Amino acid sequence: MPGVFKLTRRRIVFGAIGAVLVLVPAVGGWAMRPPASAGAVPSVTPSPAATFPGTVGPSTSPYPIAVTSGMISATPLPPPIGWKLSDVPVFGPPPPPEPIVLPPGDEVPYLSRVPVTQPVAFLTIDDGLLKNPEVPKLFAAAKIPVTLFLTTDTIQDDIPFFDNLRKYGAVIESHTISHPELAGRSDNFQRRQICEGTDRLAKWYGRRPVLFRPPFGDKDHTTLRIAHECGLTAAFMWKETVHKGIVRYQEGHSVQPGDIILMHFRPAFVKDFLAALRAIHQAGLTPALLEDYVPDRLTTR
């Protein structure tokens, strides 16, 4: 009868073959990361025969594995666009962290370099304006921890995008509601921007930020005091910035141990991310998780 689709053995076989040909190119070469949380974020590259909590028997999935809350899920990523896996420097695991001692007082410390004795540096990414589909691919390929200082007005149009990045080593921290200059503003203005912005991130992502970056690095004593009152541990400046694939140094011509590197979710994200990793690698350093070195005040009382 015209218009009636007849299911034959040949159609079934060809359909199965077509599905395999579509899936296979999308999954090659990717290793996933576990969700980032306070504490170390180890690299995860499980073998196809590994057994994971929450599963019955060995996993035989041919897809890259993402570990989330004790479960596994197959989450293939498409191939890179505009870059290659070989563009990403290979780092060894970071050394066991040595948390710094927080100073007493009613203000959070303001750091552009963490006083470390280890060959590590810290990559931080601000705002969240552009949600580039290459970001999760880059994070998955790099297998490094990254701290995201996010502005809530900027990310509220795609909250899941940044939640997904936590699978690959990202930790979400606070960066105000609307990215204003804070220095010189009233107590009430700064309190809303800092405390309410932090509260929104806690509601959206199920973890309350403990670190803070004032927009433009601009702060005063009120900023640091309110950050402390809102339960935050430290505020951060930076030693290097990355823009349009160029690393700019405040001191010297290389990344120093403990340096905090700043980049943004901008159009040149791919170039910036790769440039930051190359600068860290050329300096003989390893990316480490900022949250591992700056302890939560609640855990140090």
Foldseek 3Di string as FASTA:
>chain_A
DPPDDDDDPVVVVVVVVVVCVVPVQQAPDWAWWEFDDQDFTDGDFDDQQDDWAPDDHGHNDPHHWFAYPRDTDHDTGGADDPDHLVLADADDDFDQEDADDWDDDLFAAEEQFFPDPGQAEAEEAEAQQDLDSCVLVNLRSRQFAHEYAYAQCRCVVPLVSVLVSSSRHYDYAHEFHPQDQDPPDDLVVLLCRGQVRQVVCCVSNVDGHQEYEYRVNHDDRSNRNSSSVSQHHHYYDFQWEFDLLDIDGPDDDADGHRTYYYYYPDPSVVSRVSSVSVRSVVVVGYYTHPSSHGDRPVVVD
